[in-house]
Protein backbone atom coordinates (compact mmCIF):
# COMPACT_ATOMS: atom_id res chain seq x y z
CA MET A 1 -108.52 3.33 43.04
CA LEU A 2 -111.68 2.24 44.81
CA ALA A 3 -110.49 4.23 47.80
CA ASP A 4 -110.00 7.01 45.62
CA CYS A 5 -113.39 6.69 43.96
CA LEU A 6 -115.26 5.95 47.39
CA LEU A 7 -113.28 9.20 48.64
CA ARG A 8 -114.44 11.57 45.76
CA ASN A 9 -117.86 10.36 45.32
CA LEU A 10 -118.65 10.63 48.62
CA ALA A 11 -117.68 13.88 49.42
CA GLU A 12 -119.55 15.19 46.45
CA SER A 13 -122.58 13.62 47.58
CA VAL A 14 -122.67 15.14 51.12
CA PHE A 15 -121.25 18.32 49.90
CA GLY A 16 -118.57 18.20 52.28
CA LYS A 17 -114.73 17.82 52.21
CA ALA A 18 -112.55 14.81 52.23
CA ASN A 19 -110.12 14.27 54.94
CA GLY A 20 -107.98 11.71 53.01
CA ILE A 21 -107.08 8.35 52.17
CA TYR A 22 -104.77 6.47 54.98
CA GLU A 23 -103.12 3.34 55.03
CA ALA A 24 -104.10 0.88 57.39
CA ASN A 25 -102.55 0.41 60.76
CA ASP A 26 -102.95 -1.34 64.10
CA ASN A 27 -106.26 0.98 64.54
CA HIS A 28 -107.85 -0.72 61.79
CA PRO A 29 -107.64 -4.77 62.14
CA VAL A 30 -110.36 -5.43 60.03
CA VAL A 31 -108.85 -3.74 56.93
CA LEU A 32 -105.23 -4.62 57.89
CA ASN A 33 -105.76 -8.28 58.33
CA THR A 34 -107.79 -8.69 55.21
CA MET A 35 -106.31 -10.93 52.56
CA VAL A 36 -108.22 -9.14 49.40
CA PRO A 37 -108.77 -5.63 48.71
CA ALA A 38 -110.58 -3.88 51.27
CA VAL A 39 -111.88 0.07 52.24
CA GLU A 40 -113.19 1.27 55.51
CA ILE A 41 -115.20 4.41 55.32
CA GLU A 42 -115.38 6.65 58.14
CA ILE A 43 -118.26 9.31 57.72
CA GLY A 44 -118.70 11.84 60.68
CA HIS A 45 -117.90 11.48 64.22
CA LEU A 46 -120.59 10.91 66.63
CA THR A 47 -118.54 12.93 69.17
CA ASN A 48 -119.29 15.97 66.96
CA VAL A 49 -122.72 17.28 67.78
CA ASP A 50 -123.19 18.77 64.32
CA GLU A 51 -121.83 15.58 62.84
CA ALA A 52 -123.84 13.36 64.91
CA ALA A 53 -127.21 15.09 64.14
CA LEU A 54 -126.51 14.69 60.55
CA LEU A 55 -125.76 11.17 60.72
CA LYS A 56 -129.55 10.51 62.17
CA ASP A 57 -131.00 12.22 59.13
CA GLU A 58 -132.68 9.99 56.58
CA GLU A 59 -132.00 12.07 53.60
CA TYR A 60 -128.24 12.51 54.65
CA GLN A 61 -128.00 8.72 55.07
CA LEU A 62 -129.51 8.12 51.71
CA ARG A 63 -126.87 10.85 50.41
CA ILE A 64 -123.93 8.93 52.13
CA ALA A 65 -125.52 5.45 50.34
CA GLN A 66 -125.63 7.10 46.84
CA GLY A 67 -121.78 8.23 47.59
CA ILE A 68 -120.77 4.84 48.26
CA TYR A 69 -122.95 3.23 45.22
CA ASN A 70 -121.61 5.67 42.67
CA GLY A 71 -118.03 5.40 43.89
CA ILE A 72 -118.11 1.51 43.61
CA LEU A 73 -119.84 2.05 39.78
CA GLU A 74 -116.80 4.30 39.03
CA ALA A 75 -114.16 2.38 40.26
CA LYS A 76 -116.19 -1.01 38.27
CA SER A 77 -116.33 1.18 35.48
CA LEU A 78 -112.72 2.13 35.56
CA SER A 79 -111.26 -1.50 36.21
CA ASP A 80 -113.25 -2.53 33.21
CA ILE A 81 -111.54 -0.37 30.85
CA GLN A 82 -107.86 -1.52 32.01
């Protein structure tokens, strides 16, 4: 549920497309070995020149932060309902 909320809100906040949710594997040891629910967020790739430029932009960073915040709030409100 948290991952779904974060994915949707982040995509909306940066006007981007979501690449989906993937289960943790050996490439994600922090998430894989965590004993509590956890989500790893990947936003852009520094090897992509256009994405790297966006990630340096303060306004874009604020939109990312807002998307994460909104996603957490949405997940919290949904968990309060259940």
